[in-house]
């Protein structure tokens, strides 16, 4: 058996193991059920409120997703490496007959599949509970939702590789969640007020897009509310094109995982 084939088989086994463990995790089951209930509730509210409520169900789900999916991704990723270290299994993991890339891809892919299942359950529940004609609109939320979760899962993976203790990793990801989901936009708003409008809309849009949660909100706001609202906010000129948007998501998903893999490689070399 060639080295490449062996590496791929080990990576696939790691992926299956990670997925199985995450599906047995009570926290994943609870957060998936909570997301499904809240998403279905938002759709049912829009359906009961008639046409005006249906118009609000999409933005309500965007807000819900922008709060929950980053937290799910960060928590799923935060113990990927540091958990192995505390269980004294990191040395065994690093001794497997696979490449550094195989280790990283296997562990990340398994957790990503679990995250995709959790996110899909919520969106499907919202679609089933939505008013007639709204399911197709809500389906457009699925792809960006999974991209958002994948980006924060990648960030959580990097945090896990950097930290030496699980308690530290948990503290860091909670702080990052508050910073990127809540305080980042507030900081930009404060900077805009302090500068008395000196910061242009294009600059603000670029800074918002530098945060995956902000990029998600901006893209989905453009889809659900249309360019008129963004034009009123002064950021329509800074909206990324399809290629730029894809590059941003790819950067947030790939770069932190690659950095975490490099850290794993250093740990392997120093053993």
C-alpha atoms as a PDB file:
ATOM      1  CA  UNK A   1       0.000   0.000   0.000  1.00  0.00           C
ATOM      2  CA  UNK A   2       1.422   3.373  -0.993  1.00  0.00           C
ATOM      3  CA  UNK A   3       2.110   6.114   1.536  1.00  0.00           C
ATOM      4  CA  UNK A   4      -0.465   8.403  -0.077  1.00  0.00           C
ATOM      5  CA  UNK A   5      -3.183   5.726   0.126  1.00  0.00           C
ATOM      6  CA  UNK A   6      -2.353   5.017   3.758  1.00  0.00           C
ATOM      7  CA  UNK A   7      -2.454   8.726   4.566  1.00  0.00           C
ATOM      8  CA  UNK A   8      -5.866   9.101   2.933  1.00  0.00           C
ATOM      9  CA  UNK A   9      -7.267   6.111   4.818  1.00  0.00           C
ATOM     10  CA  UNK A  10      -6.024   7.448   8.152  1.00  0.00           C
ATOM     11  CA  UNK A  11      -7.501  10.877   7.387  1.00  0.00           C
ATOM     12  CA  UNK A  12     -10.851   9.276   6.476  1.00  0.00           C
ATOM     13  CA  UNK A  13     -10.803   7.213   9.680  1.00  0.00           C
ATOM     14  CA  UNK A  14     -10.105  10.360  11.715  1.00  0.00           C
ATOM     15  CA  UNK A  15     -12.988  12.107   9.965  1.00  0.00           C
ATOM     16  CA  UNK A  16     -15.409   9.272  10.793  1.00  0.00           C
ATOM     17  CA  UNK A  17     -14.198   9.145  14.393  1.00  0.00           C
ATOM     18  CA  UNK A  18     -14.613  12.898  14.870  1.00  0.00           C
ATOM     19  CA  UNK A  19     -18.084  12.846  13.313  1.00  0.00           C
ATOM     20  CA  UNK A  20     -19.193   9.916  15.476  1.00  0.00           C
ATOM     21  CA  UNK A  21     -17.929  11.540  18.669  1.00  0.00           C
ATOM     22  CA  UNK A  22     -19.548  14.864  17.850  1.00  0.00           C
ATOM     23  CA  UNK A  23     -22.898  13.211  17.087  1.00  0.00           C
ATOM     24  CA  UNK A  24     -22.740  11.565  20.521  1.00  0.00           C
ATOM     25  CA  UNK A  25     -21.945  14.874  22.172  1.00  0.00           C
ATOM     26  CA  UNK A  26     -24.955  16.060  24.168  1.00  0.00           C
ATOM     27  CA  UNK A  27     -23.968  19.680  23.645  1.00  0.00           C
ATOM     28  CA  UNK A  28     -24.184  19.270  19.859  1.00  0.00           C
ATOM     29  CA  UNK A  29     -27.580  17.597  20.165  1.00  0.00           C
ATOM     30  CA  UNK A  30     -28.886  20.321  22.473  1.00  0.00           C
ATOM     31  CA  UNK A  31     -27.661  23.220  20.331  1.00  0.00           C
ATOM     32  CA  UNK A  32     -29.020  21.567  17.162  1.00  0.00           C
ATOM     33  CA  UNK A  33     -32.434  21.127  18.775  1.00  0.00           C
ATOM     34  CA  UNK A  34     -32.378  24.689  20.111  1.00  0.00           C
ATOM     35  CA  UNK A  35     -31.447  26.093  16.710  1.00  0.00           C
ATOM     36  CA  UNK A  36     -34.226  24.092  15.033  1.00  0.00           C
ATOM     37  CA  UNK A  37     -36.828  25.249  17.576  1.00  0.00           C
ATOM     38  CA  UNK A  38     -35.840  28.920  17.339  1.00  0.00           C
ATOM     39  CA  UNK A  39     -35.662  28.844  13.536  1.00  0.00           C
ATOM     40  CA  UNK A  40     -39.053  27.147  13.284  1.00  0.00           C
ATOM     41  CA  UNK A  41     -40.454  29.650  15.777  1.00  0.00           C
ATOM     42  CA  UNK A  42     -39.266  32.591  13.691  1.00  0.00           C
ATOM     43  CA  UNK A  43     -40.890  31.104  10.591  1.00  0.00           C
ATOM     44  CA  UNK A  44     -44.142  30.330  12.422  1.00  0.00           C
ATOM     45  CA  UNK A  45     -44.287  33.888  13.716  1.00  0.00           C
ATOM     46  CA  UNK A  46     -43.860  35.234  10.204  1.00  0.00           C
ATOM     47  CA  UNK A  47     -46.505  32.854   8.919  1.00  0.00           C
ATOM     48  CA  UNK A  48     -49.013  33.857  11.610  1.00  0.00           C
ATOM     49  CA  UNK A  49     -48.385  37.578  11.127  1.00  0.00           C
ATOM     50  CA  UNK A  50     -49.243  37.441   7.459  1.00  0.00           C
ATOM     51  CA  UNK A  51     -47.420  39.219   4.661  1.00  0.00           C
ATOM     52  CA  UNK A  52     -45.643  41.714   6.919  1.00  0.00           C
ATOM     53  CA  UNK A  53     -44.427  38.978   9.225  1.00  0.00           C
ATOM     54  CA  UNK A  54     -43.251  36.824   6.334  1.00  0.00           C
ATOM     55  CA  UNK A  55     -41.069  39.695   5.172  1.00  0.00           C
ATOM     56  CA  UNK A  56     -39.428  39.730   8.603  1.00  0.00           C
ATOM     57  CA  UNK A  57     -38.832  35.990   8.945  1.00  0.00           C
ATOM     58  CA  UNK A  58     -35.767  36.063   6.680  1.00  0.00           C
ATOM     59  CA  UNK A  59     -33.973  38.887   8.535  1.00  0.00           C
ATOM     60  CA  UNK A  60     -34.944  37.285  11.853  1.00  0.00           C
ATOM     61  CA  UNK A  61     -33.287  34.046  10.801  1.00  0.00           C
ATOM     62  CA  UNK A  62     -30.202  35.974   9.651  1.00  0.00           C
ATOM     63  CA  UNK A  63     -29.908  37.482  13.135  1.00  0.00           C
ATOM     64  CA  UNK A  64     -30.419  34.070  14.755  1.00  0.00           C
ATOM     65  CA  UNK A  65     -27.812  32.422  12.534  1.00  0.00           C
ATOM     66  CA  UNK A  66     -25.280  35.216  13.062  1.00  0.00           C
ATOM     67  CA  UNK A  67     -25.535  34.651  16.834  1.00  0.00           C
ATOM     68  CA  UNK A  68     -25.674  30.842  17.079  1.00  0.00           C
ATOM     69  CA  UNK A  69     -23.511  29.498  14.246  1.00  0.00           C
ATOM     70  CA  UNK A  70     -20.315  31.331  15.301  1.00  0.00           C
ATOM     71  CA  UNK A  71     -20.755  29.978  18.835  1.00  0.00           C
ATOM     72  CA  UNK A  72     -21.351  26.444  17.543  1.00  0.00           C
ATOM     73  CA  UNK A  73     -18.285  26.606  15.295  1.00  0.00           C
ATOM     74  CA  UNK A  74     -16.005  27.998  17.990  1.00  0.00           C
ATOM     75  CA  UNK A  75     -17.091  25.477  20.615  1.00  0.00           C
ATOM     76  CA  UNK A  76     -16.794  22.547  18.201  1.00  0.00           C
ATOM     77  CA  UNK A  77     -13.271  23.596  17.249  1.00  0.00           C
ATOM     78  CA  UNK A  78     -11.846  24.674  20.587  1.00  0.00           C
ATOM     79  CA  UNK A  79     -10.953  21.189  21.868  1.00  0.00           C
ATOM     80  CA  UNK A  80      -9.763  19.669  18.576  1.00  0.00           C
ATOM     81  CA  UNK A  81      -6.089  19.827  19.603  1.00  0.00           C
ATOM     82  CA  UNK A  82      -5.972  20.902  23.237  1.00  0.00           C
ATOM     83  CA  UNK A  83      -8.426  18.145  24.150  1.00  0.00           C
ATOM     84  CA  UNK A  84      -6.073  15.550  22.670  1.00  0.00           C
ATOM     85  CA  UNK A  85      -3.207  17.114  24.613  1.00  0.00           C
ATOM     86  CA  UNK A  86      -5.035  16.967  27.954  1.00  0.00           C
ATOM     87  CA  UNK A  87      -6.123  13.363  27.333  1.00  0.00           C
ATOM     88  CA  UNK A  88      -2.471  12.499  26.585  1.00  0.00           C
ATOM     89  CA  UNK A  89      -3.441  11.228  23.134  1.00  0.00           C
ATOM     90  CA  UNK A  90      -1.763  13.963  21.096  1.00  0.00           C
ATOM     91  CA  UNK A  91       1.467  11.952  20.840  1.00  0.00           C
ATOM     92  CA  UNK A  92      -0.479   8.953  19.506  1.00  0.00           C
ATOM     93  CA  UNK A  93      -2.261  11.208  17.024  1.00  0.00           C
ATOM     94  CA  UNK A  94       1.013  12.678  15.764  1.00  0.00           C
ATOM     95  CA  UNK A  95       2.522   9.202  15.377  1.00  0.00           C
ATOM     96  CA  UNK A  96      -0.161   8.016  12.946  1.00  0.00           C
ATOM     97  CA  UNK A  97       1.091   7.101   9.461  1.00  0.00           C
ATOM     98  CA  UNK A  98      -0.283  10.171   7.754  1.00  0.00           C
ATOM     99  CA  UNK A  99       0.876  13.613   6.786  1.00  0.00           C
ATOM    100  CA  UNK A 100       0.331  16.790   8.739  1.00  0.00           C
ATOM    101  CA  UNK A 101      -2.275  17.777   6.131  1.00  0.00           C
ATOM    102  CA  UNK A 102      -4.059  14.447   6.579  1.00  0.00           C
ATOM    103  CA  UNK A 103      -4.315  14.952  10.341  1.00  0.00           C
ATOM    104  CA  UNK A 104      -5.673  18.457   9.987  1.00  0.00           C
ATOM    105  CA  UNK A 105      -8.125  17.616   7.201  1.00  0.00           C
ATOM    106  CA  UNK A 106      -9.396  14.508   8.979  1.00  0.00           C
ATOM    107  CA  UNK A 107     -10.100  16.226  12.305  1.00  0.00           C
ATOM    108  CA  UNK A 108     -11.499  19.387  10.725  1.00  0.00           C
ATOM    109  CA  UNK A 109     -13.692  17.560   8.183  1.00  0.00           C
ATOM    110  CA  UNK A 110     -15.340  15.369  10.825  1.00  0.00           C
ATOM    111  CA  UNK A 111     -16.256  18.349  12.964  1.00  0.00           C
ATOM    112  CA  UNK A 112     -17.347  20.310   9.906  1.00  0.00           C
ATOM    113  CA  UNK A 113     -19.771  17.537   8.931  1.00  0.00           C
ATOM    114  CA  UNK A 114     -21.288  17.622  12.422  1.00  0.00           C
ATOM    115  CA  UNK A 115     -21.621  21.407  12.197  1.00  0.00           C
ATOM    116  CA  UNK A 116     -23.252  21.150   8.758  1.00  0.00           C
ATOM    117  CA  UNK A 117     -25.801  18.685  10.126  1.00  0.00           C
ATOM    118  CA  UNK A 118     -26.608  21.021  13.022  1.00  0.00           C
ATOM    119  CA  UNK A 119     -26.973  24.034  10.722  1.00  0.00           C
ATOM    120  CA  UNK A 120     -29.001  22.152   8.127  1.00  0.00           C
ATOM    121  CA  UNK A 121     -31.466  20.899  10.744  1.00  0.00           C
ATOM    122  CA  UNK A 122     -32.235  24.481  11.764  1.00  0.00           C
ATOM    123  CA  UNK A 123     -32.686  25.804   8.227  1.00  0.00           C
ATOM    124  CA  UNK A 124     -34.827  22.826   7.174  1.00  0.00           C
ATOM    125  CA  UNK A 125     -37.005  23.297  10.265  1.00  0.00           C
ATOM    126  CA  UNK A 126     -37.476  26.953   9.320  1.00  0.00           C
ATOM    127  CA  UNK A 127     -38.388  25.985   5.757  1.00  0.00           C
ATOM    128  CA  UNK A 128     -40.947  23.411   6.901  1.00  0.00           C
ATOM    129  CA  UNK A 129     -42.598  25.940   9.211  1.00  0.00           C
ATOM    130  CA  UNK A 130     -42.495  28.840   6.733  1.00  0.00           C
ATOM    131  CA  UNK A 131     -45.377  30.320   4.798  1.00  0.00           C
ATOM    132  CA  UNK A 132     -46.093  29.032   1.278  1.00  0.00           C
ATOM    133  CA  UNK A 133     -43.571  30.444  -1.158  1.00  0.00           C
ATOM    134  CA  UNK A 134     -41.019  31.305   1.534  1.00  0.00           C
ATOM    135  CA  UNK A 135     -39.191  27.970   1.641  1.00  0.00           C
ATOM    136  CA  UNK A 136     -37.241  28.716  -1.531  1.00  0.00           C
ATOM    137  CA  UNK A 137     -36.128  32.072  -0.149  1.00  0.00           C
ATOM    138  CA  UNK A 138     -34.976  30.524   3.117  1.00  0.00           C
ATOM    139  CA  UNK A 139     -33.084  27.827   1.228  1.00  0.00           C
ATOM    140  CA  UNK A 140     -30.747  30.569   0.041  1.00  0.00           C
ATOM    141  CA  UNK A 141     -29.725  31.016   3.664  1.00  0.00           C
ATOM    142  CA  UNK A 142     -28.300  27.489   3.932  1.00  0.00           C
ATOM    143  CA  UNK A 143     -25.039  27.989   2.027  1.00  0.00           C
ATOM    144  CA  UNK A 144     -23.960  31.216   3.800  1.00  0.00           C
ATOM    145  CA  UNK A 145     -24.955  29.674   7.150  1.00  0.00           C
ATOM    146  CA  UNK A 146     -22.629  26.722   6.617  1.00  0.00           C
ATOM    147  CA  UNK A 147     -19.832  29.010   5.401  1.00  0.00           C
ATOM    148  CA  UNK A 148     -20.195  31.121   8.540  1.00  0.00           C
ATOM    149  CA  UNK A 149     -20.031  28.062  10.763  1.00  0.00           C
ATOM    150  CA  UNK A 150     -17.040  26.660   8.848  1.00  0.00           C
ATOM    151  CA  UNK A 151     -15.135  29.942   9.264  1.00  0.00           C
ATOM    152  CA  UNK A 152     -15.643  30.028  13.019  1.00  0.00           C
ATOM    153  CA  UNK A 153     -14.873  26.308  13.298  1.00  0.00           C
ATOM    154  CA  UNK A 154     -11.558  27.069  11.624  1.00  0.00           C
ATOM    155  CA  UNK A 155     -10.883  29.887  14.090  1.00  0.00           C
ATOM    156  CA  UNK A 156     -11.733  27.557  16.974  1.00  0.00           C
ATOM    157  CA  UNK A 157      -9.312  24.968  15.567  1.00  0.00           C
ATOM    158  CA  UNK A 158      -6.509  27.546  15.557  1.00  0.00           C
ATOM    159  CA  UNK A 159      -7.318  28.582  19.132  1.00  0.00           C
ATOM    160  CA  UNK A 160      -7.186  24.921  20.155  1.00  0.00           C
ATOM    161  CA  UNK A 161      -3.740  24.532  18.589  1.00  0.00           C
ATOM    162  CA  UNK A 162      -2.458  27.665  20.348  1.00  0.00           C
ATOM    163  CA  UNK A 163      -3.743  26.911  23.850  1.00  0.00           C
ATOM    164  CA  UNK A 164      -2.273  24.485  26.382  1.00  0.00           C
ATOM    165  CA  UNK A 165      -5.385  24.017  28.527  1.00  0.00           C
ATOM    166  CA  UNK A 166      -9.023  23.447  27.642  1.00  0.00           C
ATOM    167  CA  UNK A 167     -10.154  26.073  30.158  1.00  0.00           C
ATOM    168  CA  UNK A 168      -7.976  28.644  28.395  1.00  0.00           C
ATOM    169  CA  UNK A 169      -9.334  27.644  24.986  1.00  0.00           C
ATOM    170  CA  UNK A 170     -12.932  27.958  26.211  1.00  0.00           C
ATOM    171  CA  UNK A 171     -12.237  31.416  27.652  1.00  0.00           C
ATOM    172  CA  UNK A 172     -10.594  32.549  24.415  1.00  0.00           C
ATOM    173  CA  UNK A 173     -13.400  31.354  22.136  1.00  0.00           C
ATOM    174  CA  UNK A 174     -16.073  32.947  24.320  1.00  0.00           C
ATOM    175  CA  UNK A 175     -14.133  36.223  24.251  1.00  0.00           C
ATOM    176  CA  UNK A 176     -13.773  35.949  20.459  1.00  0.00           C
ATOM    177  CA  UNK A 177     -17.502  35.294  20.112  1.00  0.00           C
ATOM    178  CA  UNK A 178     -18.382  38.447  22.012  1.00  0.00           C
ATOM    179  CA  UNK A 179     -15.721  40.444  20.168  1.00  0.00           C
ATOM    180  CA  UNK A 180     -16.567  39.372  16.615  1.00  0.00           C
ATOM    181  CA  UNK A 181     -20.345  38.997  16.947  1.00  0.00           C
ATOM    182  CA  UNK A 182     -21.209  41.922  19.242  1.00  0.00           C
ATOM    183  CA  UNK A 183     -18.427  44.405  19.894  1.00  0.00           C
ATOM    184  CA  UNK A 184     -16.831  44.578  16.438  1.00  0.00           C
ATOM    185  CA  UNK A 185     -19.764  46.374  14.811  1.00  0.00           C
ATOM    186  CA  UNK A 186     -20.224  48.566  17.878  1.00  0.00           C
ATOM    187  CA  UNK A 187     -16.559  49.562  17.632  1.00  0.00           C
ATOM    188  CA  UNK A 188     -16.986  50.518  13.982  1.00  0.00           C
ATOM    189  CA  UNK A 189     -20.079  52.532  14.854  1.00  0.00           C
ATOM    190  CA  UNK A 190     -18.162  54.321  17.615  1.00  0.00           C
ATOM    191  CA  UNK A 191     -15.293  55.059  15.200  1.00  0.00           C
ATOM    192  CA  UNK A 192     -17.762  56.443  12.675  1.00  0.00           C
ATOM    193  CA  UNK A 193     -19.345  58.705  15.289  1.00  0.00           C
ATOM    194  CA  UNK A 194     -16.016  59.891  16.685  1.00  0.00           C
ATOM    195  CA  UNK A 195     -14.671  60.652  13.206  1.00  0.00           C
ATOM    196  CA  UNK A 196     -17.846  62.626  12.442  1.00  0.00           C
ATOM    197  CA  UNK A 197     -18.346  60.843   9.141  1.00  0.00           C
ATOM    198  CA  UNK A 198     -14.742  61.171   8.009  1.00  0.00           C
ATOM    199  CA  UNK A 199     -14.571  57.413   7.486  1.00  0.00           C
ATOM    200  CA  UNK A 200     -16.205  56.618   4.167  1.00  0.00           C
ATOM    201  CA  UNK A 201     -18.829  53.955   3.530  1.00  0.00           C
ATOM    202  CA  UNK A 202     -16.414  51.890   1.442  1.00  0.00           C
ATOM    203  CA  UNK A 203     -13.933  51.787   4.321  1.00  0.00           C
ATOM    204  CA  UNK A 204     -16.639  50.788   6.796  1.00  0.00           C
ATOM    205  CA  UNK A 205     -17.848  48.057   4.429  1.00  0.00           C
ATOM    206  CA  UNK A 206     -14.298  46.737   4.048  1.00  0.00           C
ATOM    207  CA  UNK A 207     -13.854  46.623   7.832  1.00  0.00           C
ATOM    208  CA  UNK A 208     -17.198  44.876   8.263  1.00  0.00           C
ATOM    209  CA  UNK A 209     -16.183  42.269   5.683  1.00  0.00           C
ATOM    210  CA  UNK A 210     -12.938  41.669   7.572  1.00  0.00           C
ATOM    211  CA  UNK A 211     -15.102  39.908  10.171  1.00  0.00           C
ATOM    212  CA  UNK A 212     -16.832  36.714   8.955  1.00  0.00           C
ATOM    213  CA  UNK A 213     -19.930  37.525  11.022  1.00  0.00           C
ATOM    214  CA  UNK A 214     -20.057  40.989   9.470  1.00  0.00           C
ATOM    215  CA  UNK A 215     -19.550  39.580   5.984  1.00  0.00           C
ATOM    216  CA  UNK A 216     -22.429  37.166   6.538  1.00  0.00           C
ATOM    217  CA  UNK A 217     -24.760  39.919   7.758  1.00  0.00           C
ATOM    218  CA  UNK A 218     -23.828  42.258   4.912  1.00  0.00           C
ATOM    219  CA  UNK A 219     -24.339  39.634   2.206  1.00  0.00           C
ATOM    220  CA  UNK A 220     -27.629  38.395   3.632  1.00  0.00           C
ATOM    221  CA  UNK A 221     -28.886  41.950   4.204  1.00  0.00           C
ATOM    222  CA  UNK A 222     -28.252  42.623   0.539  1.00  0.00           C
ATOM    223  CA  UNK A 223     -30.239  39.514  -0.437  1.00  0.00           C
ATOM    224  CA  UNK A 224     -33.230  40.023   1.853  1.00  0.00           C
ATOM    225  CA  UNK A 225     -33.445  43.816   2.099  1.00  0.00           C
ATOM    226  CA  UNK A 226     -32.058  44.704  -1.321  1.00  0.00           C
ATOM    227  CA  UNK A 227     -29.429  47.269  -2.283  1.00  0.00           C
ATOM    228  CA  UNK A 228     -31.670  50.221  -1.385  1.00  0.00           C
ATOM    229  CA  UNK A 229     -31.229  49.651   2.349  1.00  0.00           C
ATOM    230  CA  UNK A 230     -27.465  49.254   1.984  1.00  0.00           C
ATOM    231  CA  UNK A 231     -27.371  52.388  -0.139  1.00  0.00           C
ATOM    232  CA  UNK A 232     -29.169  54.253   2.654  1.00  0.00           C
ATOM    233  CA  UNK A 233     -26.563  52.947   5.084  1.00  0.00           C
ATOM    234  CA  UNK A 234     -23.801  54.119   2.789  1.00  0.00           C
ATOM    235  CA  UNK A 235     -22.134  50.729   2.291  1.00  0.00           C
ATOM    236  CA  UNK A 236     -23.522  49.527  -1.030  1.00  0.00           C
ATOM    237  CA  UNK A 237     -20.440  50.736  -2.858  1.00  0.00           C
ATOM    238  CA  UNK A 238     -18.296  48.464  -0.772  1.00  0.00           C
ATOM    239  CA  UNK A 239     -20.180  45.211  -1.461  1.00  0.00           C
ATOM    240  CA  UNK A 240     -17.837  42.474  -2.719  1.00  0.00           C
ATOM    241  CA  UNK A 241     -18.368  40.748  -6.032  1.00  0.00           C
ATOM    242  CA  UNK A 242     -18.889  36.969  -6.213  1.00  0.00           C
ATOM    243  CA  UNK A 243     -15.175  36.266  -6.708  1.00  0.00           C
ATOM    244  CA  UNK A 244     -14.119  38.565  -3.859  1.00  0.00           C
ATOM    245  CA  UNK A 245     -16.768  37.100  -1.557  1.00  0.00           C
ATOM    246  CA  UNK A 246     -15.617  33.554  -2.343  1.00  0.00           C
ATOM    247  CA  UNK A 247     -11.999  34.549  -1.689  1.00  0.00           C
ATOM    248  CA  UNK A 248     -12.940  36.053   1.687  1.00  0.00           C
ATOM    249  CA  UNK A 249     -14.760  32.926   2.800  1.00  0.00           C
ATOM    250  CA  UNK A 250     -11.931  30.717   1.556  1.00  0.00           C
ATOM    251  CA  UNK A 251      -9.416  32.786   3.495  1.00  0.00           C
ATOM    252  CA  UNK A 252     -11.360  32.583   6.751  1.00  0.00           C
ATOM    253  CA  UNK A 253     -11.929  28.841   6.372  1.00  0.00           C
ATOM    254  CA  UNK A 254      -8.524  27.720   5.093  1.00  0.00           C
ATOM    255  CA  UNK A 255      -5.923  30.006   6.676  1.00  0.00           C
ATOM    256  CA  UNK A 256      -6.662  29.353  10.386  1.00  0.00           C
ATOM    257  CA  UNK A 257      -6.755  25.582   9.778  1.00  0.00           C
ATOM    258  CA  UNK A 258      -3.460  25.730   7.882  1.00  0.00           C
ATOM    259  CA  UNK A 259      -1.927  27.749  10.731  1.00  0.00           C
ATOM    260  CA  UNK A 260      -3.167  25.155  13.211  1.00  0.00           C
ATOM    261  CA  UNK A 261      -1.637  22.419  11.070  1.00  0.00           C
ATOM    262  CA  UNK A 262       1.714  24.201  11.074  1.00  0.00           C
ATOM    263  CA  UNK A 263       1.591  24.337  14.867  1.00  0.00           C
ATOM    264  CA  UNK A 264       0.864  20.592  14.937  1.00  0.00           C
ATOM    265  CA  UNK A 265       3.841  20.044  12.669  1.00  0.00           C
ATOM    266  CA  UNK A 266       6.133  21.949  15.036  1.00  0.00           C
ATOM    267  CA  UNK A 267       4.878  19.893  17.964  1.00  0.00           C
ATOM    268  CA  UNK A 268       5.560  16.723  15.993  1.00  0.00           C
ATOM    269  CA  UNK A 269       9.101  17.844  15.202  1.00  0.00           C
ATOM    270  CA  UNK A 270       9.901  18.707  18.824  1.00  0.00           C
ATOM    271  CA  UNK A 271       8.737  15.415  20.298  1.00  0.00           C
END
